Structure formats: C-alpha cells, structure tokens
C-alpha cells in the first residue's frame, strides 16, 4: 500500500469532521506562529495571498464539485 493510499484509508476510516476541523485549527495556529516569527510575511502584496488561495483551492473545489 502506497503512502498516500495508507493515509487516505486512515483518514476515511478513523477521522470524523471534528478531527479534520481540529487539524485545520492547528494549522492556523502554526501560521500565526510563522507570522510572529517572520513579520515580513504580512507586508507582502495582497495578490500573493490571492494567488496562493487560488492555487491551494483548485484541487478541493475540483474534487467537491466537478469530479464524478
């Protein structure tokens, strides 16, 4: 079993929506730590954030709404 298949299986079988939301909150707090450690991140042009959102949202949007 491949690495990605193993984690997909474990997430589907053992995670609830609460676990996924807790992981999202944990990643948000890691981002806050990065911002505190590297304050220059905040001073980037807002287009950098827009492009980042688009790049990282492509796959979830595709899987949720387009993929059959």
PDB file of N, CA and C in Angstrom:
ATOM      1  N   UNK A   1       0.848  -1.171   0.000  1.00  0.00           N
ATOM      2  CA  UNK A   1       0.000   0.000   0.000  1.00  0.00           C
ATOM      3  C   UNK A   1       0.895   1.235   0.000  1.00  0.00           C
ATOM      4  N   UNK A   2       0.606   2.162  -0.892  1.00  0.00           N
ATOM      5  CA  UNK A   2       1.405   3.371  -1.000  1.00  0.00           C
ATOM      6  C   UNK A   2       1.154   4.319   0.160  1.00  0.00           C
ATOM      7  N   UNK A   3       2.044   5.253   0.289  1.00  0.00           N
ATOM      8  CA  UNK A   3       1.988   6.230   1.379  1.00  0.00           C
ATOM      9  C   UNK A   3       0.689   7.025   1.345  1.00  0.00           C
ATOM     10  N   UNK A   4       0.316   7.529   0.187  1.00  0.00           N
ATOM     11  CA  UNK A   4      -0.898   8.346   0.079  1.00  0.00           C
ATOM     12  C   UNK A   4      -2.142   7.495   0.283  1.00  0.00           C
ATOM     13  N   UNK A   5      -2.143   6.279  -0.277  1.00  0.00           N
ATOM     14  CA  UNK A   5      -3.292   5.391  -0.089  1.00  0.00           C
ATOM     15  C   UNK A   5      -3.474   5.029   1.382  1.00  0.00           C
ATOM     16  N   UNK A   6      -2.367   4.820   2.081  1.00  0.00           N
ATOM     17  CA  UNK A   6      -2.437   4.497   3.510  1.00  0.00           C
ATOM     18  C   UNK A   6      -3.091   5.637   4.287  1.00  0.00           C
ATOM     19  N   UNK A   7      -2.643   6.862   4.035  1.00  0.00           N
ATOM     20  CA  UNK A   7      -3.215   7.990   4.763  1.00  0.00           C
ATOM     21  C   UNK A   7      -4.653   8.264   4.349  1.00  0.00           C
ATOM     22  N   UNK A   8      -4.982   8.098   3.077  1.00  0.00           N
ATOM     23  CA  UNK A   8      -6.380   8.241   2.657  1.00  0.00           C
ATOM     24  C   UNK A   8      -7.263   7.228   3.369  1.00  0.00           C
ATOM     25  N   UNK A   9      -6.804   5.996   3.462  1.00  0.00           N
ATOM     26  CA  UNK A   9      -7.566   4.956   4.154  1.00  0.00           C
ATOM     27  C   UNK A   9      -7.756   5.311   5.619  1.00  0.00           C
ATOM     28  N   UNK A  10      -6.670   5.728   6.277  1.00  0.00           N
ATOM     29  CA  UNK A  10      -6.754   6.031   7.712  1.00  0.00           C
ATOM     30  C   UNK A  10      -7.676   7.229   7.961  1.00  0.00           C
ATOM     31  N   UNK A  11      -7.630   8.227   7.085  1.00  0.00           N
ATOM     32  CA  UNK A  11      -8.496   9.390   7.267  1.00  0.00           C
ATOM     33  C   UNK A  11      -9.956   9.006   7.057  1.00  0.00           C
ATOM     34  N   UNK A  12     -10.239   8.230   6.016  1.00  0.00           N
ATOM     35  CA  UNK A  12     -11.623   7.837   5.743  1.00  0.00           C
ATOM     36  C   UNK A  12     -12.191   6.942   6.829  1.00  0.00           C
ATOM     37  N   UNK A  13     -11.375   6.066   7.379  1.00  0.00           N
ATOM     38  CA  UNK A  13     -11.863   5.100   8.350  1.00  0.00           C
ATOM     39  C   UNK A  13     -11.899   5.637   9.787  1.00  0.00           C
ATOM     40  N   UNK A  14     -10.982   6.541  10.133  1.00  0.00           N
ATOM     41  CA  UNK A  14     -10.829   6.898  11.540  1.00  0.00           C
ATOM     42  C   UNK A  14     -11.142   8.353  11.868  1.00  0.00           C
ATOM     43  N   UNK A  15     -11.103   9.246  10.893  1.00  0.00           N
ATOM     44  CA  UNK A  15     -11.321  10.658  11.178  1.00  0.00           C
ATOM     45  C   UNK A  15     -12.793  11.015  11.089  1.00  0.00           C
ATOM     46  N   UNK A  16     -13.205  11.898  11.975  1.00  0.00           N
ATOM     47  CA  UNK A  16     -14.533  12.491  11.885  1.00  0.00           C
ATOM     48  C   UNK A  16     -14.348  13.934  11.429  1.00  0.00           C
ATOM     49  N   UNK A  17     -15.444  14.613  11.188  1.00  0.00           N
ATOM     50  CA  UNK A  17     -15.359  16.011  10.783  1.00  0.00           C
ATOM     51  C   UNK A  17     -14.704  16.843  11.876  1.00  0.00           C
ATOM     52  N   UNK A  18     -14.924  16.459  13.131  1.00  0.00           N
ATOM     53  CA  UNK A  18     -14.303  17.175  14.252  1.00  0.00           C
ATOM     54  C   UNK A  18     -12.781  17.065  14.194  1.00  0.00           C
ATOM     55  N   UNK A  19     -12.265  15.899  13.859  1.00  0.00           N
ATOM     56  CA  UNK A  19     -10.818  15.717  13.753  1.00  0.00           C
ATOM     57  C   UNK A  19     -10.232  16.576  12.634  1.00  0.00           C
ATOM     58  N   UNK A  20     -10.925  16.648  11.523  1.00  0.00           N
ATOM     59  CA  UNK A  20     -10.447  17.448  10.396  1.00  0.00           C
ATOM     60  C   UNK A  20     -10.446  18.928  10.761  1.00  0.00           C
ATOM     61  N   UNK A  21     -11.489  19.391  11.434  1.00  0.00           N
ATOM     62  CA  UNK A  21     -11.550  20.792  11.850  1.00  0.00           C
ATOM     63  C   UNK A  21     -10.480  21.104  12.886  1.00  0.00           C
ATOM     64  N   UNK A  22     -10.191  20.182  13.785  1.00  0.00           N
ATOM     65  CA  UNK A  22      -9.116  20.398  14.754  1.00  0.00           C
ATOM     66  C   UNK A  22      -7.761  20.492  14.061  1.00  0.00           C
ATOM     67  N   UNK A  23      -7.559  19.693  13.023  1.00  0.00           N
ATOM     68  CA  UNK A  23      -6.313  19.777  12.255  1.00  0.00           C
ATOM     69  C   UNK A  23      -6.222  21.128  11.545  1.00  0.00           C
ATOM     70  N   UNK A  24      -7.337  21.639  11.049  1.00  0.00           N
ATOM     71  CA  UNK A  24      -7.344  22.961  10.416  1.00  0.00           C
ATOM     72  C   UNK A  24      -7.009  24.053  11.426  1.00  0.00           C
ATOM     73  N   UNK A  25      -7.553  23.950  12.624  1.00  0.00           N
ATOM     74  CA  UNK A  25      -7.234  24.929  13.665  1.00  0.00           C
ATOM     75  C   UNK A  25      -5.760  24.863  14.052  1.00  0.00           C
ATOM     76  N   UNK A  26      -5.226  23.658  14.135  1.00  0.00           N
ATOM     77  CA  UNK A  26      -3.806  23.510  14.462  1.00  0.00           C
ATOM     78  C   UNK A  26      -2.941  24.157  13.388  1.00  0.00           C
ATOM     79  N   UNK A  27      -3.301  23.974  12.135  1.00  0.00           N
ATOM     80  CA  UNK A  27      -2.515  24.588  11.063  1.00  0.00           C
ATOM     81  C   UNK A  27      -2.652  26.109  11.084  1.00  0.00           C
ATOM     82  N   UNK A  28      -3.808  26.611  11.493  1.00  0.00           N
ATOM     83  CA  UNK A  28      -3.979  28.049  11.619  1.00  0.00           C
ATOM     84  C   UNK A  28      -3.055  28.615  12.697  1.00  0.00           C
ATOM     85  N   UNK A  29      -2.935  27.907  13.815  1.00  0.00           N
ATOM     86  CA  UNK A  29      -2.050  28.361  14.878  1.00  0.00           C
ATOM     87  C   UNK A  29      -0.582  28.271  14.473  1.00  0.00           C
ATOM     88  N   UNK A  30      -0.235  27.290  13.669  1.00  0.00           N
ATOM     89  CA  UNK A  30       1.139  27.226  13.139  1.00  0.00           C
ATOM     90  C   UNK A  30       1.397  28.440  12.254  1.00  0.00           C
ATOM     91  N   UNK A  31       0.421  28.828  11.449  1.00  0.00           N
ATOM     92  CA  UNK A  31       0.558  30.017  10.615  1.00  0.00           C
ATOM     93  C   UNK A  31       0.737  31.269  11.469  1.00  0.00           C
ATOM     94  N   UNK A  32       0.004  31.374  12.565  1.00  0.00           N
ATOM     95  CA  UNK A  32       0.163  32.516  13.461  1.00  0.00           C
ATOM     96  C   UNK A  32       1.566  32.555  14.052  1.00  0.00           C
ATOM     97  N   UNK A  33       2.106  31.408  14.395  1.00  0.00           N
ATOM     98  CA  UNK A  33       3.479  31.347  14.910  1.00  0.00           C
ATOM     99  C   UNK A  33       4.455  31.829  13.848  1.00  0.00           C
ATOM    100  N   UNK A  34       4.276  31.394  12.588  1.00  0.00           N
ATOM    101  CA  UNK A  34       5.144  31.855  11.498  1.00  0.00           C
ATOM    102  C   UNK A  34       5.067  33.369  11.337  1.00  0.00           C
ATOM    103  N   UNK A  35       3.859  33.922  11.446  1.00  0.00           N
ATOM    104  CA  UNK A  35       3.696  35.368  11.301  1.00  0.00           C
ATOM    105  C   UNK A  35       4.402  36.101  12.438  1.00  0.00           C
ATOM    106  N   UNK A  36       4.341  35.557  13.646  1.00  0.00           N
ATOM    107  CA  UNK A  36       5.033  36.191  14.764  1.00  0.00           C
ATOM    108  C   UNK A  36       6.550  36.107  14.598  1.00  0.00           C
ATOM    109  N   UNK A  37       7.036  34.995  14.037  1.00  0.00           N
ATOM    110  CA  UNK A  37       8.478  34.825  13.862  1.00  0.00           C
ATOM    111  C   UNK A  37       9.020  35.598  12.660  1.00  0.00           C
ATOM    112  N   UNK A  38       8.211  35.705  11.601  1.00  0.00           N
ATOM    113  CA  UNK A  38       8.639  36.377  10.372  1.00  0.00           C
ATOM    114  C   UNK A  38       7.590  37.440  10.026  1.00  0.00           C
ATOM    115  N   UNK A  39       7.660  38.626  10.636  1.00  0.00           N
ATOM    116  CA  UNK A  39       6.621  39.633  10.405  1.00  0.00           C
ATOM    117  C   UNK A  39       6.592  40.194   8.982  1.00  0.00           C
ATOM    118  N   UNK A  40       7.640  39.966   8.196  1.00  0.00           N
ATOM    119  CA  UNK A  40       7.642  40.461   6.813  1.00  0.00           C
ATOM    120  C   UNK A  40       6.604  39.756   5.947  1.00  0.00           C
ATOM    121  N   UNK A  41       6.106  38.623   6.406  1.00  0.00           N
ATOM    122  CA  UNK A  41       5.076  37.904   5.652  1.00  0.00           C
ATOM    123  C   UNK A  41       3.831  38.775   5.491  1.00  0.00           C
ATOM    124  N   UNK A  42       3.518  39.556   6.509  1.00  0.00           N
ATOM    125  CA  UNK A  42       2.309  40.385   6.472  1.00  0.00           C
ATOM    126  C   UNK A  42       2.441  41.507   5.450  1.00  0.00           C
ATOM    127  N   UNK A  43       3.656  41.958   5.199  1.00  0.00           N
ATOM    128  CA  UNK A  43       3.842  43.111   4.319  1.00  0.00           C
ATOM    129  C   UNK A  43       3.868  42.745   2.832  1.00  0.00           C
ATOM    130  N   UNK A  44       3.610  41.493   2.494  1.00  0.00           N
ATOM    131  CA  UNK A  44       3.563  41.111   1.089  1.00  0.00           C
ATOM    132  C   UNK A  44       2.346  41.737   0.406  1.00  0.00           C
ATOM    133  N   UNK A  45       2.429  41.874  -0.889  1.00  0.00           N
ATOM    134  CA  UNK A  45       1.314  42.380  -1.674  1.00  0.00           C
ATOM    135  C   UNK A  45       0.139  41.402  -1.547  1.00  0.00           C
ATOM    136  N   UNK A  46      -1.085  41.931  -1.506  1.00  0.00           N
ATOM    137  CA  UNK A  46      -2.234  41.046  -1.305  1.00  0.00           C
ATOM    138  C   UNK A  46      -2.447  40.081  -2.465  1.00  0.00           C
ATOM    139  N   UNK A  47      -1.907  40.386  -3.650  1.00  0.00           N
ATOM    140  CA  UNK A  47      -2.045  39.474  -4.784  1.00  0.00           C
ATOM    141  C   UNK A  47      -1.318  38.162  -4.536  1.00  0.00           C
ATOM    142  N   UNK A  48      -0.283  38.185  -3.725  1.00  0.00           N
ATOM    143  CA  UNK A  48       0.418  36.947  -3.375  1.00  0.00           C
ATOM    144  C   UNK A  48      -0.533  36.016  -2.635  1.00  0.00           C
ATOM    145  N   UNK A  49      -1.322  36.580  -1.740  1.00  0.00           N
ATOM    146  CA  UNK A  49      -2.282  35.768  -0.987  1.00  0.00           C
ATOM    147  C   UNK A  49      -3.421  35.283  -1.878  1.00  0.00           C
ATOM    148  N   UNK A  50      -3.876  36.119  -2.793  1.00  0.00           N
ATOM    149  CA  UNK A  50      -4.949  35.729  -3.714  1.00  0.00           C
ATOM    150  C   UNK A  50      -4.492  34.562  -4.593  1.00  0.00           C
ATOM    151  N   UNK A  51      -3.282  34.661  -5.131  1.00  0.00           N
ATOM    152  CA  UNK A  51      -2.748  33.580  -5.957  1.00  0.00           C
ATOM    153  C   UNK A  51      -2.590  32.305  -5.126  1.00  0.00           C
ATOM    154  N   UNK A  52      -2.124  32.447  -3.886  1.00  0.00           N
ATOM    155  CA  UNK A  52      -1.986  31.278  -3.009  1.00  0.00           C
ATOM    156  C   UNK A  52      -3.314  30.605  -2.733  1.00  0.00           C
ATOM    157  N   UNK A  53      -4.340  31.397  -2.475  1.00  0.00           N
ATOM    158  CA  UNK A  53      -5.673  30.833  -2.230  1.00  0.00           C
ATOM    159  C   UNK A  53      -6.172  30.089  -3.462  1.00  0.00           C
ATOM    160  N   UNK A  54      -6.003  30.678  -4.626  1.00  0.00           N
ATOM    161  CA  UNK A  54      -6.449  30.031  -5.856  1.00  0.00           C
ATOM    162  C   UNK A  54      -5.704  28.726  -6.094  1.00  0.00           C
ATOM    163  N   UNK A  55      -4.394  28.745  -5.922  1.00  0.00           N
ATOM    164  CA  UNK A  55      -3.595  27.532  -6.159  1.00  0.00           C
ATOM    165  C   UNK A  55      -3.993  26.414  -5.208  1.00  0.00           C
ATOM    166  N   UNK A  56      -4.159  26.750  -3.925  1.00  0.00           N
ATOM    167  CA  UNK A  56      -4.466  25.710  -2.951  1.00  0.00           C
ATOM    168  C   UNK A  56      -5.934  25.302  -2.948  1.00  0.00           C
ATOM    169  N   UNK A  57      -6.811  26.099  -3.566  1.00  0.00           N
ATOM    170  CA  UNK A  57      -8.231  25.758  -3.589  1.00  0.00           C
ATOM    171  C   UNK A  57      -8.639  24.992  -4.840  1.00  0.00           C
ATOM    172  N   UNK A  58      -7.768  24.919  -5.824  1.00  0.00           N
ATOM    173  CA  UNK A  58      -8.128  24.251  -7.083  1.00  0.00           C
ATOM    174  C   UNK A  58      -8.512  22.795  -6.856  1.00  0.00           C
ATOM    175  N   UNK A  59      -7.668  22.042  -6.196  1.00  0.00           N
ATOM    176  CA  UNK A  59      -7.935  20.607  -6.005  1.00  0.00           C
ATOM    177  C   UNK A  59      -9.186  20.352  -5.164  1.00  0.00           C
ATOM    178  N   UNK A  60      -9.360  20.992  -3.986  1.00  0.00           N
ATOM    179  CA  UNK A  60     -10.599  20.720  -3.229  1.00  0.00           C
ATOM    180  C   UNK A  60     -11.867  21.104  -3.986  1.00  0.00           C
ATOM    181  N   UNK A  61     -11.838  22.204  -4.708  1.00  0.00           N
ATOM    182  CA  UNK A  61     -13.024  22.604  -5.469  1.00  0.00           C
ATOM    183  C   UNK A  61     -13.297  21.597  -6.582  1.00  0.00           C
ATOM    184  N   UNK A  62     -12.244  21.142  -7.252  1.00  0.00           N
ATOM    185  CA  UNK A  62     -12.410  20.143  -8.303  1.00  0.00           C
ATOM    186  C   UNK A  62     -13.014  18.859  -7.733  1.00  0.00           C
ATOM    187  N   UNK A  63     -12.473  18.377  -6.648  1.00  0.00           N
ATOM    188  CA  UNK A  63     -12.960  17.116  -6.058  1.00  0.00           C
ATOM    189  C   UNK A  63     -14.388  17.276  -5.547  1.00  0.00           C
ATOM    190  N   UNK A  64     -14.712  18.426  -4.966  1.00  0.00           N
ATOM    191  CA  UNK A  64     -16.029  18.609  -4.353  1.00  0.00           C
ATOM    192  C   UNK A  64     -17.131  18.804  -5.395  1.00  0.00           C
ATOM    193  N   UNK A  65     -16.856  19.576  -6.444  1.00  0.00           N
ATOM    194  CA  UNK A  65     -17.938  19.963  -7.339  1.00  0.00           C
ATOM    195  C   UNK A  65     -17.867  19.394  -8.746  1.00  0.00           C
ATOM    196  N   UNK A  66     -16.690  19.063  -9.246  1.00  0.00           N
ATOM    197  CA  UNK A  66     -16.549  18.662 -10.653  1.00  0.00           C
ATOM    198  C   UNK A  66     -16.370  17.161 -10.817  1.00  0.00           C
ATOM    199  N   UNK A  67     -15.528  16.560  -9.998  1.00  0.00           N
ATOM    200  CA  UNK A  67     -15.219  15.136 -10.142  1.00  0.00           C
ATOM    201  C   UNK A  67     -16.462  14.299  -9.867  1.00  0.00           C
ATOM    202  N   UNK A  68     -16.680  13.317 -10.698  1.00  0.00           N
ATOM    203  CA  UNK A  68     -17.858  12.443 -10.546  1.00  0.00           C
ATOM    204  C   UNK A  68     -17.545  11.248  -9.704  1.00  0.00           C
TER     205      UNK A  68
END
